[in-house]
Protein backbone atom coordinates (compact mmCIF):
# COMPACT_ATOMS: atom_id res chain seq x y z
CA MET A 1 1.39 27.80 9.69
CA ASN A 2 -0.77 24.68 9.39
CA TRP A 3 1.59 21.68 9.60
CA ARG A 4 -1.13 19.26 8.49
CA ILE A 5 -1.43 21.14 5.20
CA VAL A 6 2.36 21.24 4.88
CA ARG A 7 2.53 17.47 5.40
CA THR A 8 -0.14 16.94 2.74
CA LEU A 9 1.82 19.15 0.34
CA VAL A 10 5.03 17.19 0.95
CA VAL A 11 3.27 13.88 0.31
CA LYS A 12 1.80 15.30 -2.90
CA ASP A 13 5.16 16.58 -4.15
CA VAL A 14 6.98 13.32 -3.40
CA THR A 15 4.24 11.36 -5.19
CA LEU A 16 4.40 13.64 -8.24
CA TYR A 17 8.19 13.42 -8.24
CA PHE A 18 8.21 9.64 -8.53
CA ARG A 19 5.35 9.67 -11.04
CA ASN A 20 7.71 11.43 -13.38
CA ARG A 21 9.32 8.44 -15.07
CA PHE A 22 12.43 10.34 -16.10
CA PHE A 23 13.37 11.55 -12.61
CA ALA A 24 12.25 8.33 -10.94
CA LEU A 25 14.45 6.33 -13.32
CA ILE A 26 17.58 8.46 -13.05
CA THR A 27 17.21 8.59 -9.26
CA VAL A 28 17.34 4.81 -8.94
CA LEU A 29 19.89 4.30 -11.71
CA ALA A 30 22.21 6.97 -10.33
CA LEU A 31 22.29 5.44 -6.85
CA VAL A 32 22.90 1.94 -8.22
CA ALA A 33 25.50 3.14 -10.73
CA TYR A 34 27.49 5.13 -8.17
CA ALA A 35 27.50 2.21 -5.73
CA VAL A 36 28.59 -0.24 -8.46
CA ILE A 37 31.36 2.10 -9.67
CA TYR A 38 32.56 2.56 -6.11
CA PHE A 39 32.90 -1.17 -5.43
CA LEU A 40 34.51 -1.85 -8.82
CA MET A 41 37.29 0.65 -8.18
CA PRO A 42 40.49 -0.41 -6.35
CA ALA A 43 40.17 -0.49 -2.58
CA ARG A 44 43.90 -0.17 -1.96
CA VAL A 45 46.73 2.04 -3.15
CA ASP A 46 49.96 0.42 -4.32
CA GLU A 47 52.78 2.48 -2.81
CA GLU A 48 55.59 0.24 -4.05
CA ILE A 49 57.84 0.96 -7.02
CA GLU A 50 58.76 -2.08 -9.10
CA ILE A 51 62.02 -1.76 -11.05
CA GLY A 52 63.84 -4.23 -13.27
CA LEU A 53 67.54 -4.64 -12.45
CA TYR A 54 70.58 -6.29 -13.99
CA ALA A 55 73.59 -6.09 -11.67
CA PRO A 56 76.46 -8.61 -11.88
CA SER A 57 77.66 -7.48 -8.44
CA MET A 58 75.61 -5.97 -5.65
CA PRO A 59 76.07 -5.70 -1.85
CA SER A 60 74.28 -8.38 0.18
CA GLY A 61 71.08 -7.24 1.81
CA PHE A 62 70.74 -4.28 -0.57
CA THR A 63 67.54 -5.65 -2.14
CA ALA A 64 65.94 -6.23 1.27
CA GLN A 65 66.87 -2.70 2.35
CA LEU A 66 65.20 -1.18 -0.70
CA ARG A 67 62.11 -3.34 -0.21
CA GLU A 68 61.65 -1.74 3.20
CA GLU A 69 61.67 1.64 1.46
CA GLY A 70 58.98 0.54 -1.01
CA VAL A 71 61.33 -0.15 -3.95
CA ILE A 72 61.00 -3.67 -5.35
CA LEU A 73 63.92 -4.80 -7.49
CA GLN A 74 63.20 -7.59 -9.97
CA THR A 75 66.51 -9.00 -11.12
CA ALA A 76 67.05 -10.07 -14.72
CA ALA A 77 69.40 -12.79 -15.95
CA SER A 78 71.05 -10.52 -18.50
CA GLU A 79 70.91 -6.99 -19.81
CA GLU A 80 69.17 -8.19 -22.96
CA ALA A 81 66.49 -9.90 -20.87
CA LEU A 82 66.04 -6.69 -18.90
CA LYS A 83 65.62 -4.63 -22.08
CA ALA A 84 63.06 -7.10 -23.41
CA ALA A 85 61.04 -7.01 -20.17
CA VAL A 86 60.96 -3.21 -20.11
CA GLY A 87 60.10 -3.01 -23.80
CA GLU A 88 57.13 -5.34 -23.30
CA GLY A 89 55.86 -3.24 -20.39
CA GLU A 90 56.62 -5.82 -17.69
CA TYR A 91 58.54 -3.13 -15.77
CA PRO A 92 58.13 0.63 -16.27
CA VAL A 93 61.84 1.18 -15.63
CA GLY A 94 64.94 -0.98 -15.89
CA VAL A 95 68.50 -0.28 -14.76
CA ALA A 96 71.66 -2.13 -15.76
CA LEU A 97 74.84 -1.73 -13.72
CA SER A 98 78.27 -2.43 -15.13
CA ALA A 99 80.21 -5.34 -13.65
CA ASP A 100 82.92 -3.09 -12.21
CA ILE A 101 80.68 -0.37 -10.80
CA LEU A 102 81.47 -1.13 -7.16
CA GLU A 103 85.23 -0.91 -7.74
CA LYS A 104 84.94 2.33 -9.70
CA LEU A 105 82.70 4.00 -7.17
CA ALA A 106 84.98 2.93 -4.32
CA ALA A 107 87.91 4.44 -6.18
CA GLY A 108 86.05 7.71 -6.70
CA GLN A 109 85.53 7.09 -10.38
CA LYS A 110 82.29 7.24 -12.35
CA GLY A 111 80.42 3.97 -12.68
CA GLN A 112 78.29 3.18 -15.70
CA VAL A 113 74.54 2.88 -15.22
CA ARG A 114 72.16 2.36 -18.14
CA ILE A 115 68.52 3.22 -17.54
CA TYR A 116 65.73 1.92 -19.77
CA PHE A 117 62.20 3.32 -19.79
CA SER A 118 59.09 1.69 -21.19
CA PRO A 119 57.58 3.33 -24.32
CA ASN A 120 54.71 5.00 -22.43
CA PHE A 121 56.73 6.21 -19.45
CA PRO A 122 55.98 9.92 -18.66
CA ASP A 123 58.78 12.23 -19.76
CA GLU A 124 58.37 14.46 -16.70
CA LEU A 125 59.31 11.55 -14.37
CA LYS A 126 62.48 10.43 -16.16
CA ASP A 127 64.75 12.98 -14.47
CA ALA A 128 63.41 11.97 -11.07
CA TYR A 129 64.30 8.32 -11.69
CA VAL A 130 67.78 9.29 -12.87
CA ILE A 131 68.32 11.08 -9.55
CA LEU A 132 66.95 8.05 -7.70
CA PHE A 133 69.46 5.70 -9.35
CA GLU A 134 72.33 8.09 -8.69
CA GLU A 135 71.38 8.01 -5.01
CA LEU A 136 71.21 4.21 -5.08
CA ALA A 137 74.65 4.03 -6.66
CA PHE A 138 76.15 6.11 -3.86
CA ASN A 139 74.41 3.97 -1.24
CA MET A 140 75.82 0.79 -2.75
CA VAL A 141 79.35 1.78 -1.67
CA GLY A 142 78.31 3.52 1.52
CA GLN A 143 78.97 7.00 0.17
CA PRO A 144 75.85 9.12 0.63
CA LEU A 145 75.51 12.38 -1.24
CA ASN A 146 77.30 15.22 0.51
CA ILE A 147 74.20 17.25 1.35
CA GLU A 148 72.18 18.11 4.41
CA ALA A 149 68.45 17.84 3.88
CA SER A 150 65.41 18.63 5.96
CA GLU A 151 61.85 17.83 5.08
CA GLU A 152 58.48 19.34 5.86
CA VAL A 153 55.07 18.01 4.86
CA LEU A 154 52.64 20.73 3.82
CA GLY A 155 48.99 19.91 4.47
CA ILE A 156 47.91 16.39 5.37
CA ASP A 157 50.73 13.85 5.43
CA THR A 158 49.47 10.84 3.46
CA ALA A 159 52.77 8.95 3.35
CA GLY A 160 51.98 5.32 4.02
CA ALA A 161 48.25 6.10 4.12
CA GLN A 162 47.29 6.94 0.57
CA ILE A 163 43.58 7.27 -0.15
CA PRO A 164 42.20 4.70 -2.65
CA PRO A 165 40.65 6.28 -5.76
CA ARG A 166 37.17 5.06 -4.89
CA ASP A 167 37.26 6.86 -1.52
CA ARG A 168 38.36 10.04 -3.29
CA MET A 169 35.35 9.62 -5.57
CA LEU A 170 32.85 9.57 -2.70
CA PRO A 171 32.57 13.39 -2.34
CA LEU A 172 32.02 13.63 -6.11
CA PHE A 173 29.26 11.01 -5.96
CA ALA A 174 27.64 12.79 -3.00
CA VAL A 175 27.60 16.11 -4.86
CA PHE A 176 26.14 14.46 -7.97
CA VAL A 177 23.32 12.85 -5.97
CA LEU A 178 22.49 16.11 -4.20
CA LEU A 179 22.51 18.16 -7.37
CA MET A 180 20.50 15.68 -9.43
CA GLU A 181 17.64 16.26 -7.00
CA THR A 182 17.70 19.95 -7.87
CA LEU A 183 16.49 19.01 -11.35
CA GLY A 184 13.46 17.14 -10.04
CA LEU A 185 12.39 19.77 -7.53
CA ALA A 186 13.03 22.63 -9.96
CA SER A 187 10.99 20.88 -12.65
CA LEU A 188 8.13 20.29 -10.21
CA ILE A 189 8.03 23.92 -9.03
CA SER A 190 8.42 25.33 -12.55
CA ALA A 191 5.54 23.18 -13.87
CA GLU A 192 3.28 24.27 -11.00
CA ILE A 193 4.04 27.94 -11.63
CA GLU A 194 3.45 27.69 -15.37
CA GLY A 195 0.28 25.63 -14.87
CA GLY A 196 -1.14 27.93 -12.21
CA THR A 197 -1.11 25.25 -9.50
CA ILE A 198 0.73 27.42 -6.99
CA GLN A 199 -1.72 30.27 -7.43
CA ALA A 200 -4.56 27.80 -6.91
CA LEU A 201 -2.97 26.46 -3.74
CA LEU A 202 -2.69 29.95 -2.29
CA VAL A 203 -6.46 30.41 -2.69
CA THR A 204 -6.88 27.63 -0.10
CA PRO A 205 -6.08 28.14 3.61
CA MET A 206 -2.42 27.47 2.78
CA ARG A 207 -0.16 30.46 3.32
CA VAL A 208 2.98 31.40 1.42
CA GLU A 209 5.18 30.33 4.33
CA GLY A 210 3.58 26.88 4.40
CA LEU A 211 3.96 26.52 0.62
CA PHE A 212 7.69 27.16 0.63
CA THR A 213 8.20 25.15 3.80
CA GLY A 214 6.56 22.16 2.12
CA LYS A 215 8.66 22.56 -1.02
CA GLY A 216 11.78 22.95 1.08
CA VAL A 217 11.07 19.85 3.16
CA THR A 218 10.45 17.87 -0.02
CA GLY A 219 13.70 18.97 -1.62
CA VAL A 220 15.85 18.50 1.48
CA SER A 221 14.32 15.09 2.24
CA LEU A 222 14.79 13.71 -1.27
CA ALA A 223 18.39 14.92 -1.54
CA PHE A 224 19.45 14.01 2.01
CA VAL A 225 17.92 10.52 2.11
CA GLN A 226 19.43 9.49 -1.21
CA THR A 227 22.89 10.78 -0.28
CA LEU A 228 22.57 9.06 3.09
CA LEU A 229 21.82 5.76 1.35
CA LEU A 230 24.85 6.13 -0.91
CA MET A 231 27.23 6.97 1.94
CA GLY A 232 25.82 4.17 4.07
CA VAL A 233 26.15 1.50 1.38
CA THR A 234 29.70 2.51 0.46
CA GLY A 235 30.92 2.71 4.06
CA GLY A 236 31.36 6.49 3.98
CA LEU A 237 29.84 6.85 7.46
CA GLU A 238 32.32 4.64 9.29
CA GLN A 239 34.26 7.67 10.55
CA GLN A 240 32.67 10.80 12.06
CA PRO A 241 29.10 9.79 11.05
CA LEU A 242 27.34 12.65 12.87
CA LEU A 243 29.67 15.23 11.34
CA ILE A 244 29.20 13.85 7.83
CA LEU A 245 25.41 13.69 8.26
CA THR A 246 25.42 17.34 9.34
CA ALA A 247 27.44 18.31 6.26
CA LEU A 248 25.12 16.33 3.98
CA LEU A 249 22.05 17.98 5.53
CA LEU A 250 23.52 21.42 4.90
CA GLY A 251 24.39 20.31 1.38
CA ALA A 252 20.77 19.27 0.87
CA LEU A 253 19.66 22.74 2.01
CA LEU A 254 22.07 24.29 -0.48
CA ALA A 255 20.78 22.05 -3.29
CA THR A 256 17.17 22.98 -2.45
CA GLY A 257 17.99 26.69 -2.64
CA ILE A 258 19.60 26.13 -6.04
CA ALA A 259 16.49 24.24 -7.17
CA PHE A 260 14.33 27.26 -6.24
CA MET A 261 16.61 29.54 -8.25
CA ILE A 262 16.52 27.24 -11.30
CA ALA A 263 12.72 27.05 -11.07
CA SER A 264 12.52 30.85 -11.10
CA VAL A 265 14.18 31.10 -14.53
CA ALA A 266 13.03 27.84 -16.18
CA ARG A 267 9.78 27.47 -18.11
CA ASP A 268 9.77 23.75 -18.95
CA MET A 269 11.73 20.56 -18.37
CA MET A 270 14.27 21.28 -21.12
CA SER A 271 15.17 24.64 -19.64
CA VAL A 272 15.33 23.05 -16.18
CA ILE A 273 17.83 20.48 -17.48
CA ALA A 274 19.85 23.18 -19.28
CA TRP A 275 20.19 25.35 -16.18
CA GLY A 276 20.59 22.30 -13.95
CA VAL A 277 23.47 20.85 -15.95
CA LEU A 278 25.23 24.21 -15.76
CA ALA A 279 24.84 24.23 -11.98
CA ILE A 280 26.00 20.60 -11.68
CA VAL A 281 29.15 21.25 -13.71
CA ALA A 282 30.06 24.37 -11.72
CA LEU A 283 29.41 22.84 -8.29
CA SER A 284 31.25 19.59 -9.16
CA ILE A 285 34.56 21.35 -9.76
CA PRO A 286 35.64 21.19 -6.07
CA ALA A 287 35.06 17.42 -6.06
CA LEU A 288 37.33 17.09 -9.09
CA GLY A 289 39.96 18.96 -7.10
CA VAL A 290 39.81 16.25 -4.42
CA LEU A 291 39.97 13.53 -7.05
CA LEU A 292 42.96 15.13 -8.80
CA PRO A 293 44.94 16.97 -6.09
CA GLY A 294 47.04 19.90 -7.24
CA THR A 295 45.05 20.61 -10.39
CA ILE A 296 42.97 23.48 -8.96
CA SER A 297 44.12 26.55 -7.00
CA ASP A 298 42.54 28.45 -4.09
CA TRP A 299 39.98 30.25 -6.28
CA ILE A 300 37.87 27.10 -5.94
CA LYS A 301 36.86 28.26 -2.44
CA ILE A 302 34.43 30.76 -3.93
CA ILE A 303 32.23 27.79 -5.00
CA PRO A 304 29.91 26.88 -2.07
CA SER A 305 30.11 23.13 -2.72
CA TYR A 306 33.84 23.26 -1.86
CA TYR A 307 32.98 23.38 1.83
CA LEU A 308 30.75 20.32 1.52
CA VAL A 309 33.31 18.35 -0.48
CA ASP A 310 36.22 19.29 1.77
CA THR A 311 34.27 18.39 4.92
CA VAL A 312 33.13 15.00 3.63
CA HIS A 313 36.58 14.17 2.23
CA ARG A 314 38.52 15.08 5.36
CA SER A 315 36.01 13.52 7.76
CA ALA A 316 35.49 10.25 5.88
CA ASN A 317 39.08 9.70 4.76
CA PHE A 318 41.19 11.41 7.45
CA ASN A 319 38.86 11.24 10.47
CA ALA A 320 38.80 15.05 10.81
CA GLY A 321 36.76 16.26 13.77
CA TRP A 322 34.39 19.15 14.44
CA GLY A 323 37.23 21.48 15.31
CA ASP A 324 39.01 20.72 12.04
CA VAL A 325 36.04 21.40 9.73
CA GLY A 326 33.84 23.61 11.90
CA GLN A 327 34.59 26.66 9.79
CA ASN A 328 33.53 24.75 6.68
CA LEU A 329 30.17 23.96 8.25
CA LEU A 330 29.56 27.60 9.18
CA VAL A 331 30.33 28.79 5.65
CA LEU A 332 28.19 26.01 4.18
CA LEU A 333 25.28 26.96 6.47
CA ALA A 334 25.56 30.62 5.48
CA CYS A 335 25.65 29.74 1.77
CA ALA A 336 22.69 27.36 2.10
CA LEU A 337 20.54 29.95 3.88
CA ALA A 338 21.54 32.64 1.36
CA PHE A 339 20.64 30.44 -1.62
CA LEU A 340 17.34 29.43 0.01
CA TRP A 341 16.41 33.07 0.62
CA LEU A 342 17.38 34.12 -2.91
CA GLY A 343 15.50 31.17 -4.39
CA VAL A 344 12.32 31.88 -2.44
CA VAL A 345 12.42 35.57 -3.41
CA ALA A 346 12.97 34.70 -7.08
CA VAL A 347 10.12 32.15 -7.17
CA ARG A 348 7.69 34.55 -5.47
CA ARG A 349 8.43 37.20 -8.06
CA LYS A 350 7.85 34.74 -10.88
CA TYR A 351 4.40 33.44 -9.85
CA ARG A 352 3.22 36.95 -8.97
């Protein structure tokens, strides 16, 4: 294989890629837009619960104790003032305790607690807050609920270390950048097949292996460099940089294989975009699972991009090491090589 010819082919493809105004424009705009969106999103997660409270009598130090647990009580001058604050959305929840609640609870009687919810408060959370206030009422008189509880955290324990939304978005942005490059490369290959350029190139000393090597290097380079820029600008490489770079490189290989497959079935730019959008939607589903935990079940693992998203998310946000995500990398490598092989076979059949 003549590497000088391969290098010339790569330079030609990159030049043609950026001569296409559509792909050149969306490449730059996408990188800028993702970076801007990232920095505009909140950088911290508020783990405190703010509750309005009207309580004529309350044990000393009770408010400070709850503050340590992440519950902020904002006292109101009267019950009417509390209701007005909750109704206007100043507090999502308000609780009013009767003046004699401490005496009744100490005597084993039921104390009166009135709970007020704001108009847009989720119905599914109301029962949880009722249980919370019942627990607080017992604690006020030093009578904990007569139960024995044990706790176990399944998966990664994020208590006290919640991930800001913008850091959850990073894997989604990375997948979008990688997959957008499949459109450009697929359009380039499809146009060369339909126009007879590939057949003309094979008349020259260039061999088939050199042709696909050049196309592959072009696709991997464009996808990897752009994703690298995005992760670098947003600070996504601060933890486990070598591991994340490896995952992104394998993701670029996977995206290149998908571009070959799209090029084998597309005949023009419109069909490239149609097939490309379908691929982008399907491969973005795992990233949505990271963004909205609990919304997607284990079937998502059949999508190859899951192993890229999971690796980037755990490495960048939880400092996972090679031993933690090594299996992901192996599966991602196998998927990338399989898609590359299938794409090359499909393209060869098309131009023949």
